[in-house]
PDB file of N, CA and C in Angstrom:
ATOM      1  N   MET A   1     108.165  54.115  96.845  1.00  0.00           N
ATOM      2  CA  MET A   1     108.275  55.268  97.348  1.00  0.00           C
ATOM      3  C   MET A   1     109.548  55.545  98.336  1.00  0.00           C
ATOM      4  N   GLY A   2     110.430  54.471  98.595  1.00  0.00           N
ATOM      5  CA  GLY A   2     111.665  54.476  99.126  1.00  0.00           C
ATOM      6  C   GLY A   2     112.510  54.897  97.796  1.00  0.00           C
ATOM      7  N   ASN A   3     112.524  54.563  96.683  1.00  0.00           N
ATOM      8  CA  ASN A   3     113.020  55.676  96.061  1.00  0.00           C
ATOM      9  C   ASN A   3     112.809  57.037  96.012  1.00  0.00           C
ATOM     10  N   LEU A   4     111.967  57.184  95.891  1.00  0.00           N
ATOM     11  CA  LEU A   4     111.672  58.727  95.712  1.00  0.00           C
ATOM     12  C   LEU A   4     112.312  59.850  96.855  1.00  0.00           C
ATOM     13  N   VAL A   5     112.401  59.134  98.320  1.00  0.00           N
ATOM     14  CA  VAL A   5     112.835  59.850  99.287  1.00  0.00           C
ATOM     15  C   VAL A   5     114.300  60.077  99.018  1.00  0.00           C
ATOM     16  N   ARG A   6     114.861  59.302  98.435  1.00  0.00           N
ATOM     17  CA  ARG A   6     116.510  58.985  98.268  1.00  0.00           C
ATOM     18  C   ARG A   6     116.391  60.057  97.334  1.00  0.00           C
ATOM     19  N   LEU A   7     115.669  61.265  96.597  1.00  0.00           N
ATOM     20  CA  LEU A   7     116.035  62.458  96.163  1.00  0.00           C
ATOM     21  C   LEU A   7     115.300  63.380  96.673  1.00  0.00           C
ATOM     22  N   LEU A   8     114.814  63.489  97.987  1.00  0.00           N
ATOM     23  CA  LEU A   8     114.529  64.461  98.491  1.00  0.00           C
ATOM     24  C   LEU A   8     115.332  65.087  99.608  1.00  0.00           C
ATOM     25  N   ASN A   9     114.721  66.756  99.573  1.00  0.00           N
ATOM     26  CA  ASN A   9     115.969  67.099 100.667  1.00  0.00           C
ATOM     27  C   ASN A   9     114.905  68.257 101.112  1.00  0.00           C
ATOM     28  N   LEU A  10     114.584  68.006 102.539  1.00  0.00           N
ATOM     29  CA  LEU A  10     113.642  68.913 103.257  1.00  0.00           C
ATOM     30  C   LEU A  10     114.655  69.986 103.909  1.00  0.00           C
ATOM     31  N   ILE A  11     113.732  71.606 103.635  1.00  0.00           N
ATOM     32  CA  ILE A  11     114.827  72.565 104.559  1.00  0.00           C
ATOM     33  C   ILE A  11     113.783  73.216 105.108  1.00  0.00           C
ATOM     34  N   ASP A  12     114.213  73.212 106.432  1.00  0.00           N
ATOM     35  CA  ASP A  12     113.453  74.196 107.373  1.00  0.00           C
ATOM     36  C   ASP A  12     114.024  75.491 107.410  1.00  0.00           C
ATOM     37  N   VAL A  13     112.941  76.506 107.332  1.00  0.00           N
ATOM     38  CA  VAL A  13     113.049  77.874 107.092  1.00  0.00           C
ATOM     39  C   VAL A  13     112.742  78.835 108.860  1.00  0.00           C
ATOM     40  N   ILE A  14     113.851  79.318 108.725  1.00  0.00           N
ATOM     41  CA  ILE A  14     114.004  79.748 110.519  1.00  0.00           C
ATOM     42  C   ILE A  14     113.752  81.284 110.192  1.00  0.00           C
ATOM     43  N   PRO A  15     112.392  82.060 110.831  1.00  0.00           N
ATOM     44  CA  PRO A  15     111.990  83.104 110.316  1.00  0.00           C
ATOM     45  C   PRO A  15     112.881  84.540 110.730  1.00  0.00           C
ATOM     46  N   GLU A  16     113.353  84.299 112.309  1.00  0.00           N
ATOM     47  CA  GLU A  16     113.868  85.732 112.520  1.00  0.00           C
ATOM     48  C   GLU A  16     114.983  85.125 113.362  1.00  0.00           C
ATOM     49  N   PRO A  17     116.409  85.822 112.859  1.00  0.00           N
ATOM     50  CA  PRO A  17     116.615  86.194 111.861  1.00  0.00           C
ATOM     51  C   PRO A  17     116.478  84.962 110.305  1.00  0.00           C
ATOM     52  N   LEU A  18     115.933  85.835 109.396  1.00  0.00           N
ATOM     53  CA  LEU A  18     115.788  84.320 108.471  1.00  0.00           C
ATOM     54  C   LEU A  18     116.976  83.284 107.846  1.00  0.00           C
ATOM     55  N   HIS A  19     117.010  82.368 107.996  1.00  0.00           N
ATOM     56  CA  HIS A  19     118.351  81.447 107.842  1.00  0.00           C
ATOM     57  C   HIS A  19     117.463  80.186 107.967  1.00  0.00           C
ATOM     58  N   PHE A  20     118.439  78.989 106.843  1.00  0.00           N
ATOM     59  CA  PHE A  20     117.672  77.715 106.794  1.00  0.00           C
ATOM     60  C   PHE A  20     118.645  76.582 107.180  1.00  0.00           C
ATOM     61  N   ARG A  21     117.979  75.504 107.306  1.00  0.00           N
ATOM     62  CA  ARG A  21     118.798  74.585 107.949  1.00  0.00           C
ATOM     63  C   ARG A  21     118.080  72.915 107.481  1.00  0.00           C
ATOM     64  N   HIS A  22     119.137  72.112 107.515  1.00  0.00           N
ATOM     65  CA  HIS A  22     118.425  70.937 106.320  1.00  0.00           C
ATOM     66  C   HIS A  22     118.222  70.067 107.506  1.00  0.00           C
ATOM     67  N   ARG A  23     116.682  69.949 106.939  1.00  0.00           N
ATOM     68  CA  ARG A  23     115.768  69.089 108.297  1.00  0.00           C
ATOM     69  C   ARG A  23     115.926  67.430 107.374  1.00  0.00           C
ATOM     70  N   LEU A  24     116.266  67.164 106.494  1.00  0.00           N
ATOM     71  CA  LEU A  24     116.326  65.497 105.528  1.00  0.00           C
ATOM     72  C   LEU A  24     117.039  65.684 104.463  1.00  0.00           C
ATOM     73  N   VAL A  25     117.892  65.214 104.583  1.00  0.00           N
ATOM     74  CA  VAL A  25     118.843  64.974 103.214  1.00  0.00           C
ATOM     75  C   VAL A  25     118.451  63.592 102.592  1.00  0.00           C
ATOM     76  N   GLY A  26     118.078  63.199 101.502  1.00  0.00           N
ATOM     77  CA  GLY A  26     117.937  62.251 101.067  1.00  0.00           C
ATOM     78  C   GLY A  26     119.161  61.345 100.739  1.00  0.00           C
ATOM     79  N   SER A  27     119.025  60.141 100.753  1.00  0.00           N
ATOM     80  CA  SER A  27     120.542  59.433 100.715  1.00  0.00           C
ATOM     81  C   SER A  27     121.125  59.377  99.383  1.00  0.00           C
ATOM     82  N   GLU A  28     120.139  59.876  97.815  1.00  0.00           N
ATOM     83  CA  GLU A  28     120.887  60.248  96.537  1.00  0.00           C
ATOM     84  C   GLU A  28     122.116  61.074  96.936  1.00  0.00           C
ATOM     85  N   HIS A  29     121.261  62.341  97.719  1.00  0.00           N
ATOM     86  CA  HIS A  29     122.170  63.552  97.839  1.00  0.00           C
ATOM     87  C   HIS A  29     123.375  63.119  98.506  1.00  0.00           C
ATOM     88  N   VAL A  30     123.382  62.553  99.721  1.00  0.00           N
ATOM     89  CA  VAL A  30     124.728  62.403 100.610  1.00  0.00           C
ATOM     90  C   VAL A  30     125.540  61.333  99.598  1.00  0.00           C
ATOM     91  N   GLU A  31     125.226  60.530  98.693  1.00  0.00           N
ATOM     92  CA  GLU A  31     126.462  59.610  97.706  1.00  0.00           C
ATOM     93  C   GLU A  31     126.771  60.886  96.720  1.00  0.00           C
ATOM     94  N   TRP A  32     125.776  61.415  96.087  1.00  0.00           N
ATOM     95  CA  TRP A  32     126.783  62.258  95.336  1.00  0.00           C
ATOM     96  C   TRP A  32     127.405  63.261  95.632  1.00  0.00           C
ATOM     97  N   LEU A  33     127.014  63.915  96.804  1.00  0.00           N
ATOM     98  CA  LEU A  33     128.367  65.225  97.479  1.00  0.00           C
ATOM     99  C   LEU A  33     128.875  64.628  98.696  1.00  0.00           C
ATOM    100  N   GLY A  34     129.143  63.135  98.726  1.00  0.00           N
ATOM    101  CA  GLY A  34     130.011  62.921 100.006  1.00  0.00           C
ATOM    102  C   GLY A  34     129.495  63.605 101.115  1.00  0.00           C
ATOM    103  N   ARG A  35     128.246  63.801 101.616  1.00  0.00           N
ATOM    104  CA  ARG A  35     128.264  63.980 103.200  1.00  0.00           C
ATOM    105  C   ARG A  35     126.317  63.995 103.272  1.00  0.00           C
ATOM    106  N   ASP A  36     126.904  63.960 104.509  1.00  0.00           N
ATOM    107  CA  ASP A  36     124.994  64.144 105.084  1.00  0.00           C
ATOM    108  C   ASP A  36     125.277  65.186 105.918  1.00  0.00           C
ATOM    109  N   ALA A  37     124.403  66.182 104.918  1.00  0.00           N
ATOM    110  CA  ALA A  37     123.972  67.690 105.922  1.00  0.00           C
ATOM    111  C   ALA A  37     122.960  67.294 106.633  1.00  0.00           C
ATOM    112  N   THR A  38     121.974  66.733 107.178  1.00  0.00           N
ATOM    113  CA  THR A  38     121.289  66.602 108.500  1.00  0.00           C
ATOM    114  C   THR A  38     121.212  67.130 109.039  1.00  0.00           C
ATOM    115  N   GLY A  39     120.800  68.497 109.927  1.00  0.00           N
ATOM    116  CA  GLY A  39     120.708  69.207 110.801  1.00  0.00           C
ATOM    117  C   GLY A  39     121.789  70.039 110.927  1.00  0.00           C
ATOM    118  N   LEU A  40     122.073  70.468 109.967  1.00  0.00           N
ATOM    119  CA  LEU A  40     123.518  71.462 109.855  1.00  0.00           C
ATOM    120  C   LEU A  40     122.747  72.810 109.023  1.00  0.00           C
ATOM    121  N   TYR A  41     123.528  73.500 108.832  1.00  0.00           N
ATOM    122  CA  TYR A  41     122.731  74.813 108.744  1.00  0.00           C
ATOM    123  C   TYR A  41     123.533  75.470 107.211  1.00  0.00           C
ATOM    124  N   ILE A  42     122.572  76.220 106.626  1.00  0.00           N
ATOM    125  CA  ILE A  42     122.955  76.527 105.097  1.00  0.00           C
ATOM    126  C   ILE A  42     123.658  77.789 105.320  1.00  0.00           C
ATOM    127  N   ASP A  43     125.019  77.582 105.053  1.00  0.00           N
ATOM    128  CA  ASP A  43     125.902  78.663 105.984  1.00  0.00           C
ATOM    129  C   ASP A  43     127.385  78.199 105.131  1.00  0.00           C
ATOM    130  N   GLU A  44     128.861  79.268 105.394  1.00  0.00           N
ATOM    131  CA  GLU A  44     129.668  79.127 104.791  1.00  0.00           C
ATOM    132  C   GLU A  44     130.571  78.114 104.960  1.00  0.00           C
ATOM    133  N   THR A  45     130.331  77.341 106.210  1.00  0.00           N
ATOM    134  CA  THR A  45     130.523  76.493 107.247  1.00  0.00           C
ATOM    135  C   THR A  45     130.389  75.203 105.598  1.00  0.00           C
ATOM    136  N   LEU A  46     129.128  75.258 105.385  1.00  0.00           N
ATOM    137  CA  LEU A  46     128.891  73.750 104.683  1.00  0.00           C
ATOM    138  C   LEU A  46     129.093  74.106 103.056  1.00  0.00           C
ATOM    139  N   TYR A  47     128.442  75.326 102.710  1.00  0.00           N
ATOM    140  CA  TYR A  47     128.711  75.433 101.176  1.00  0.00           C
ATOM    141  C   TYR A  47     129.990  76.660 100.775  1.00  0.00           C
ATOM    142  N   GLY A  48     130.475  77.098 101.368  1.00  0.00           N
ATOM    143  CA  GLY A  48     132.026  78.079 100.926  1.00  0.00           C
ATOM    144  C   GLY A  48     131.455  78.886 100.639  1.00  0.00           C
ATOM    145  N   SER A  49     132.373  79.882  99.599  1.00  0.00           N
ATOM    146  CA  SER A  49     131.586  81.007  98.688  1.00  0.00           C
ATOM    147  C   SER A  49     130.137  81.102  98.306  1.00  0.00           C
ATOM    148  N   ALA A  50     129.529  79.707  98.040  1.00  0.00           N
ATOM    149  CA  ALA A  50     128.231  79.726  97.065  1.00  0.00           C
ATOM    150  C   ALA A  50     127.209  79.909  98.118  1.00  0.00           C
ATOM    151  N   ALA A  51     127.572  79.878  99.321  1.00  0.00           N
ATOM    152  CA  ALA A  51     125.996  80.039 100.310  1.00  0.00           C
ATOM    153  C   ALA A  51     125.402  81.409 100.207  1.00  0.00           C
ATOM    154  N   ALA A  52     126.223  82.387 100.378  1.00  0.00           N
ATOM    155  CA  ALA A  52     125.433  83.518  99.931  1.00  0.00           C
ATOM    156  C   ALA A  52     124.384  83.306  98.702  1.00  0.00           C
ATOM    157  N   GLU A  53     124.874  83.160  97.873  1.00  0.00           N
ATOM    158  CA  GLU A  53     123.855  82.830  96.742  1.00  0.00           C
ATOM    159  C   GLU A  53     122.537  81.856  96.848  1.00  0.00           C
ATOM    160  N   ILE A  54     122.995  81.076  97.538  1.00  0.00           N
ATOM    161  CA  ILE A  54     122.038  79.477  97.793  1.00  0.00           C
ATOM    162  C   ILE A  54     121.220  80.500  98.809  1.00  0.00           C
ATOM    163  N   VAL A  55     121.363  81.262 100.006  1.00  0.00           N
ATOM    164  CA  VAL A  55     120.378  81.530 100.485  1.00  0.00           C
ATOM    165  C   VAL A  55     119.799  82.942  99.582  1.00  0.00           C
ATOM    166  N   ARG A  56     120.417  83.427  99.134  1.00  0.00           N
ATOM    167  CA  ARG A  56     119.559  84.178  98.115  1.00  0.00           C
ATOM    168  C   ARG A  56     118.349  83.612  97.545  1.00  0.00           C
ATOM    169  N   SER A  57     118.555  82.405  96.695  1.00  0.00           N
ATOM    170  CA  SER A  57     117.475  82.051  96.433  1.00  0.00           C
ATOM    171  C   SER A  57     116.526  81.341  97.069  1.00  0.00           C
ATOM    172  N   LEU A  58     116.786  80.668  98.083  1.00  0.00           N
ATOM    173  CA  LEU A  58     115.904  80.638  99.308  1.00  0.00           C
ATOM    174  C   LEU A  58     115.651  81.451  99.798  1.00  0.00           C
ATOM    175  N   THR A  59     115.709  82.616  99.835  1.00  0.00           N
ATOM    176  CA  THR A  59     114.936  83.555 100.130  1.00  0.00           C
ATOM    177  C   THR A  59     114.176  84.029  99.790  1.00  0.00           C
ATOM    178  N   ILE A  60     114.052  84.032  97.842  1.00  0.00           N
ATOM    179  CA  ILE A  60     113.475  84.324  97.343  1.00  0.00           C
ATOM    180  C   ILE A  60     112.214  83.687  97.162  1.00  0.00           C
ATOM    181  N   ILE A  61     112.126  82.520  97.467  1.00  0.00           N
ATOM    182  CA  ILE A  61     111.119  81.223  97.662  1.00  0.00           C
ATOM    183  C   ILE A  61     110.292  81.250  98.452  1.00  0.00           C
ATOM    184  N   VAL A  62     111.234  81.583  99.749  1.00  0.00           N
ATOM    185  CA  VAL A  62     110.136  82.221 101.269  1.00  0.00           C
ATOM    186  C   VAL A  62     109.581  83.541 100.714  1.00  0.00           C
ATOM    187  N   ARG A  63     110.238  84.468 100.103  1.00  0.00           N
ATOM    188  CA  ARG A  63     109.465  85.783 100.007  1.00  0.00           C
ATOM    189  C   ARG A  63     108.306  85.844  99.125  1.00  0.00           C
ATOM    190  N   GLU A  64     108.398  85.131  97.744  1.00  0.00           N
ATOM    191  CA  GLU A  64     107.206  84.699  96.927  1.00  0.00           C
ATOM    192  C   GLU A  64     106.484  84.108  96.529  1.00  0.00           C
ATOM    193  N   LYS A  65     106.863  82.750  97.937  1.00  0.00           N
ATOM    194  CA  LYS A  65     105.737  81.789  98.261  1.00  0.00           C
ATOM    195  C   LYS A  65     105.535  81.064  96.704  1.00  0.00           C
ATOM    196  N   LYS A  66     106.782  81.001  95.803  1.00  0.00           N
ATOM    197  CA  LYS A  66     106.052  80.000  94.745  1.00  0.00           C
ATOM    198  C   LYS A  66     107.291  79.229  94.469  1.00  0.00           C
ATOM    199  N   PRO A  67     107.025  77.952  93.672  1.00  0.00           N
ATOM    200  CA  PRO A  67     108.293  76.977  93.086  1.00  0.00           C
ATOM    201  C   PRO A  67     108.998  77.731  92.500  1.00  0.00           C
ATOM    202  N   TYR A  68     110.387  76.989  92.608  1.00  0.00           N
ATOM    203  CA  TYR A  68     111.516  77.586  91.372  1.00  0.00           C
ATOM    204  C   TYR A  68     111.754  76.193  91.040  1.00  0.00           C
ATOM    205  N   ARG A  69     112.861  76.532  89.600  1.00  0.00           N
ATOM    206  CA  ARG A  69     113.760  75.075  89.001  1.00  0.00           C
ATOM    207  C   ARG A  69     115.186  75.725  89.363  1.00  0.00           C
ATOM    208  N   ARG A  70     116.122  74.718  89.903  1.00  0.00           N
ATOM    209  CA  ARG A  70     117.481  75.781  89.761  1.00  0.00           C
ATOM    210  C   ARG A  70     118.439  74.489  89.265  1.00  0.00           C
ATOM    211  N   ARG A  71     119.003  74.791  88.594  1.00  0.00           N
ATOM    212  CA  ARG A  71     120.181  74.065  87.785  1.00  0.00           C
ATOM    213  C   ARG A  71     121.440  74.639  88.305  1.00  0.00           C
ATOM    214  N   ALA A  72     122.204  73.617  89.071  1.00  0.00           N
ATOM    215  CA  ALA A  72     123.302  74.501  89.347  1.00  0.00           C
ATOM    216  C   ALA A  72     124.294  72.923  88.756  1.00  0.00           C
ATOM    217  N   ARG A  73     125.730  73.922  88.617  1.00  0.00           N
ATOM    218  CA  ARG A  73     127.250  73.046  88.523  1.00  0.00           C
ATOM    219  C   ARG A  73     127.606  73.161  89.963  1.00  0.00           C
ATOM    220  N   LEU A  74     128.311  72.140  90.793  1.00  0.00           N
ATOM    221  CA  LEU A  74     128.789  71.706  91.973  1.00  0.00           C
ATOM    222  C   LEU A  74     129.974  72.365  92.135  1.00  0.00           C
ATOM    223  N   ASP A  75     130.259  73.372  91.607  1.00  0.00           N
ATOM    224  CA  ASP A  75     131.477  73.717  92.200  1.00  0.00           C
ATOM    225  C   ASP A  75     132.134  74.217  93.391  1.00  0.00           C
ATOM    226  N   TRP A  76     131.099  74.457  94.487  1.00  0.00           N
ATOM    227  CA  TRP A  76     131.172  74.617  95.650  1.00  0.00           C
ATOM    228  C   TRP A  76     131.737  72.927  96.097  1.00  0.00           C
ATOM    229  N   ASN A  77     131.235  71.994  95.701  1.00  0.00           N
ATOM    230  CA  ASN A  77     131.468  71.369  96.481  1.00  0.00           C
ATOM    231  C   ASN A  77     132.968  70.127  95.853  1.00  0.00           C
ATOM    232  N   GLY A  78     133.400  71.238  95.393  1.00  0.00           N
ATOM    233  CA  GLY A  78     134.766  70.486  94.667  1.00  0.00           C
ATOM    234  C   GLY A  78     134.635  69.370  93.211  1.00  0.00           C
ATOM    235  N   GLN A  79     133.786  69.637  92.472  1.00  0.00           N
ATOM    236  CA  GLN A  79     133.021  68.939  92.205  1.00  0.00           C
ATOM    237  C   GLN A  79     131.964  69.943  90.485  1.00  0.00           C
ATOM    238  N   PRO A  80     133.255  70.672  89.741  1.00  0.00           N
ATOM    239  CA  PRO A  80     132.754  71.198  88.197  1.00  0.00           C
ATOM    240  C   PRO A  80     132.255  70.167  87.232  1.00  0.00           C
ATOM    241  N   TRP A  81     132.253  69.113  87.455  1.00  0.00           N
ATOM    242  CA  TRP A  81     131.474  67.944  86.585  1.00  0.00           C
ATOM    243  C   TRP A  81     130.036  67.919  86.732  1.00  0.00           C
ATOM    244  N   LEU A  82     129.767  67.963  88.246  1.00  0.00           N
ATOM    245  CA  LEU A  82     128.711  67.447  88.682  1.00  0.00           C
ATOM    246  C   LEU A  82     127.586  68.622  88.586  1.00  0.00           C
ATOM    247  N   GLU A  83     126.430  68.189  87.768  1.00  0.00           N
ATOM    248  CA  GLU A  83     125.454  69.040  88.097  1.00  0.00           C
ATOM    249  C   GLU A  83     123.981  68.466  88.721  1.00  0.00           C
ATOM    250  N   MET A  84     123.656  69.841  89.221  1.00  0.00           N
ATOM    251  CA  MET A  84     122.296  69.480  90.681  1.00  0.00           C
ATOM    252  C   MET A  84     121.228  69.885  89.865  1.00  0.00           C
ATOM    253  N   GLU A  85     119.919  69.372  89.226  1.00  0.00           N
ATOM    254  CA  GLU A  85     118.706  69.948  89.066  1.00  0.00           C
ATOM    255  C   GLU A  85     117.393  69.722  89.934  1.00  0.00           C
ATOM    256  N   SER A  86     116.875  70.616  90.149  1.00  0.00           N
ATOM    257  CA  SER A  86     115.649  70.141  90.946  1.00  0.00           C
ATOM    258  C   SER A  86     114.466  71.435  91.048  1.00  0.00           C
ATOM    259  N   VAL A  87     113.453  70.910  91.653  1.00  0.00           N
ATOM    260  CA  VAL A  87     112.627  71.776  91.586  1.00  0.00           C
ATOM    261  C   VAL A  87     112.228  71.904  93.540  1.00  0.00           C
ATOM    262  N   GLU A  88     112.474  73.025  93.600  1.00  0.00           N
ATOM    263  CA  GLU A  88     111.662  73.476  94.809  1.00  0.00           C
ATOM    264  C   GLU A  88     110.685  74.207  95.124  1.00  0.00           C
ATOM    265  N   LEU A  89     109.864  73.532  96.313  1.00  0.00           N
ATOM    266  CA  LEU A  89     108.862  73.821  96.746  1.00  0.00           C
ATOM    267  C   LEU A  89     108.270  74.402  97.820  1.00  0.00           C
ATOM    268  N   PRO A  90     107.863  75.545  98.142  1.00  0.00           N
ATOM    269  CA  PRO A  90     107.652  76.423  99.827  1.00  0.00           C
ATOM    270  C   PRO A  90     106.454  75.492  99.870  1.00  0.00           C
ATOM    271  N   LEU A  91     106.451  75.690 101.713  1.00  0.00           N
ATOM    272  CA  LEU A  91     105.985  74.886 102.295  1.00  0.00           C
ATOM    273  C   LEU A  91     105.445  75.313 103.448  1.00  0.00           C
ATOM    274  N   GLY A  92     103.844  75.450 103.984  1.00  0.00           N
ATOM    275  CA  GLY A  92     103.951  76.151 105.235  1.00  0.00           C
ATOM    276  C   GLY A  92     102.428  76.316 105.274  1.00  0.00           C
ATOM    277  N   GLU A  93     101.877  77.056 106.160  1.00  0.00           N
ATOM    278  CA  GLU A  93     100.687  77.276 106.728  1.00  0.00           C
ATOM    279  C   GLU A  93     100.576  78.819 106.778  1.00  0.00           C
ATOM    280  N   LYS A  94      99.351  79.296 106.920  1.00  0.00           N
ATOM    281  CA  LYS A  94      98.768  80.671 107.474  1.00  0.00           C
ATOM    282  C   LYS A  94      99.867  81.761 106.719  1.00  0.00           C
ATOM    283  N   GLY A  95      99.762  81.345 105.533  1.00  0.00           N
ATOM    284  CA  GLY A  95     100.701  82.287 104.264  1.00  0.00           C
ATOM    285  C   GLY A  95     101.985  82.685 104.752  1.00  0.00           C
ATOM    286  N   GLN A  96     102.826  81.629 105.357  1.00  0.00           N
ATOM    287  CA  GLN A  96     103.844  81.321 106.144  1.00  0.00           C
ATOM    288  C   GLN A  96     104.600  80.572 105.524  1.00  0.00           C
ATOM    289  N   VAL A  97     105.987  80.401 104.707  1.00  0.00           N
ATOM    290  CA  VAL A  97     106.856  79.785 104.260  1.00  0.00           C
ATOM    291  C   VAL A  97     107.547  78.894 105.269  1.00  0.00           C
ATOM    292  N   ARG A  98     107.312  77.696 106.358  1.00  0.00           N
ATOM    293  CA  ARG A  98     107.866  77.030 106.748  1.00  0.00           C
ATOM    294  C   ARG A  98     109.058  76.015 106.526  1.00  0.00           C
ATOM    295  N   MET A  99     109.378  75.604 105.448  1.00  0.00           N
ATOM    296  CA  MET A  99     109.872  74.096 104.743  1.00  0.00           C
ATOM    297  C   MET A  99     109.992  74.668 103.651  1.00  0.00           C
ATOM    298  N   ILE A 100     110.707  74.318 102.609  1.00  0.00           N
ATOM    299  CA  ILE A 100     111.350  74.291 101.452  1.00  0.00           C
ATOM    300  C   ILE A 100     111.372  73.040 101.018  1.00  0.00           C
ATOM    301  N   LEU A 101     110.655  72.287 100.178  1.00  0.00           N
ATOM    302  CA  LEU A 101     111.086  70.994  99.771  1.00  0.00           C
ATOM    303  C   LEU A 101     111.826  70.390  98.384  1.00  0.00           C
ATOM    304  N   ARG A 102     112.613  70.116  97.991  1.00  0.00           N
ATOM    305  CA  ARG A 102     113.603  70.198  97.126  1.00  0.00           C
ATOM    306  C   ARG A 102     113.670  68.571  96.546  1.00  0.00           C
ATOM    307  N   ALA A 103     112.912  68.437  95.732  1.00  0.00           N
ATOM    308  CA  ALA A 103     113.681  67.074  95.029  1.00  0.00           C
ATOM    309  C   ALA A 103     114.711  67.419  93.769  1.00  0.00           C
ATOM    310  N   SER A 104     115.744  66.546  94.053  1.00  0.00           N
ATOM    311  CA  SER A 104     116.775  66.644  92.914  1.00  0.00           C
ATOM    312  C   SER A 104     117.266  65.366  91.939  1.00  0.00           C
ATOM    313  N   VAL A 105     117.680  65.684  91.093  1.00  0.00           N
ATOM    314  CA  VAL A 105     118.765  64.333  90.490  1.00  0.00           C
ATOM    315  C   VAL A 105     119.921  65.260  89.623  1.00  0.00           C
ATOM    316  N   PHE A 106     120.674  64.412  89.804  1.00  0.00           N
ATOM    317  CA  PHE A 106     122.737  64.438  89.942  1.00  0.00           C
ATOM    318  C   PHE A 106     122.873  63.943  88.480  1.00  0.00           C
ATOM    319  N   ARG A 107     123.746  64.307  87.755  1.00  0.00           N
ATOM    320  CA  ARG A 107     123.961  63.667  86.484  1.00  0.00           C
ATOM    321  C   ARG A 107     125.762  65.011  86.071  1.00  0.00           C
ATOM    322  N   GLN A 108     126.538  64.036  85.063  1.00  0.00           N
ATOM    323  CA  GLN A 108     127.410  65.172  85.060  1.00  0.00           C
ATOM    324  C   GLN A 108     126.944  66.045  83.720  1.00  0.00           C
ATOM    325  N   ALA A 109     127.767  67.543  84.277  1.00  0.00           N
ATOM    326  CA  ALA A 109     127.540  68.807  83.609  1.00  0.00           C
ATOM    327  C   ALA A 109     128.110  68.905  82.346  1.00  0.00           C
ATOM    328  N   GLY A 110     127.341  69.577  81.798  1.00  0.00           N
ATOM    329  CA  GLY A 110     128.147  69.901  80.124  1.00  0.00           C
ATOM    330  C   GLY A 110     129.082  70.974  80.309  1.00  0.00           C
ATOM    331  N   PRO A 111     130.061  70.990  79.315  1.00  0.00           N
ATOM    332  CA  PRO A 111     131.197  71.907  79.765  1.00  0.00           C
ATOM    333  C   PRO A 111     130.873  73.528  79.369  1.00  0.00           C
ATOM    334  N   ALA A 112     129.557  73.435  78.580  1.00  0.00           N
ATOM    335  CA  ALA A 112     129.128  74.760  78.620  1.00  0.00           C
ATOM    336  C   ALA A 112     127.991  75.821  79.276  1.00  0.00           C
ATOM    337  N   ARG A 113     127.738  74.603  80.118  1.00  0.00           N
ATOM    338  CA  ARG A 113     126.687  75.021  81.584  1.00  0.00           C
ATOM    339  C   ARG A 113     127.072  76.139  82.324  1.00  0.00           C
ATOM    340  N   ARG A 114     126.281  76.728  82.131  1.00  0.00           N
ATOM    341  CA  ARG A 114     126.136  77.938  83.300  1.00  0.00           C
ATOM    342  C   ARG A 114     126.423  77.578  84.454  1.00  0.00           C
ATOM    343  N   ARG A 115     126.836  78.094  85.556  1.00  0.00           N
ATOM    344  CA  ARG A 115     127.248  78.022  87.036  1.00  0.00           C
ATOM    345  C   ARG A 115     125.550  77.378  87.581  1.00  0.00           C
ATOM    346  N   LEU A 116     124.802  78.946  87.349  1.00  0.00           N
ATOM    347  CA  LEU A 116     123.756  78.695  88.113  1.00  0.00           C
ATOM    348  C   LEU A 116     122.536  78.910  87.054  1.00  0.00           C
ATOM    349  N   GLU A 117     121.220  78.099  87.206  1.00  0.00           N
ATOM    350  CA  GLU A 117     120.194  78.594  86.296  1.00  0.00           C
ATOM    351  C   GLU A 117     118.609  78.517  87.791  1.00  0.00           C
ATOM    352  N   PHE A 118     118.283  79.650  88.035  1.00  0.00           N
ATOM    353  CA  PHE A 118     117.188  79.995  88.860  1.00  0.00           C
ATOM    354  C   PHE A 118     116.035  80.333  88.964  1.00  0.00           C
ATOM    355  N   THR A 119     115.000  79.781  88.058  1.00  0.00           N
ATOM    356  CA  THR A 119     113.861  80.066  87.496  1.00  0.00           C
ATOM    357  C   THR A 119     112.373  79.989  87.909  1.00  0.00           C
ATOM    358  N   PRO A 120     111.819  80.866  88.227  1.00  0.00           N
ATOM    359  CA  PRO A 120     109.955  80.362  88.808  1.00  0.00           C
ATOM    360  C   PRO A 120     109.363  79.638  87.827  1.00  0.00           C
ATOM    361  N   LEU A 121     108.879  78.846  88.489  1.00  0.00           N
ATOM    362  CA  LEU A 121     107.733  77.703  87.776  1.00  0.00           C
ATOM    363  C   LEU A 121     106.882  78.350  87.303  1.00  0.00           C
ATOM    364  N   GLU A 122     106.546  78.510  86.143  1.00  0.00           N
ATOM    365  CA  GLU A 122     104.848  79.064  86.351  1.00  0.00           C
ATOM    366  C   GLU A 122     103.740  77.888  86.147  1.00  0.00           C
TER     367      GLU A 122
END
């Protein structure tokens, strides 16, 4: 179980106005990204120009209430050679998404890889 937690990222969904905060950031994320974002909001301060795109995709998960797969180059972190692939699952109660569970792996990105792929899991 300990190794699995390293791959996890829990994101709080704050409903009004809608925004997102990292509740838990696994040590694998911290090691690859070079920072611990636990407790920080997902915004321009943390993600620069990629923030709007990240918020948009998390908003889709909240509205559609279904899991998604994300594969993204980490250009925003000054690491265009690094790629993150994750499964992002909505968690909640009474029809409301309260949190997003992300399980991620990191690897070297291929040279022709698009910057972002974000697709629903069927």
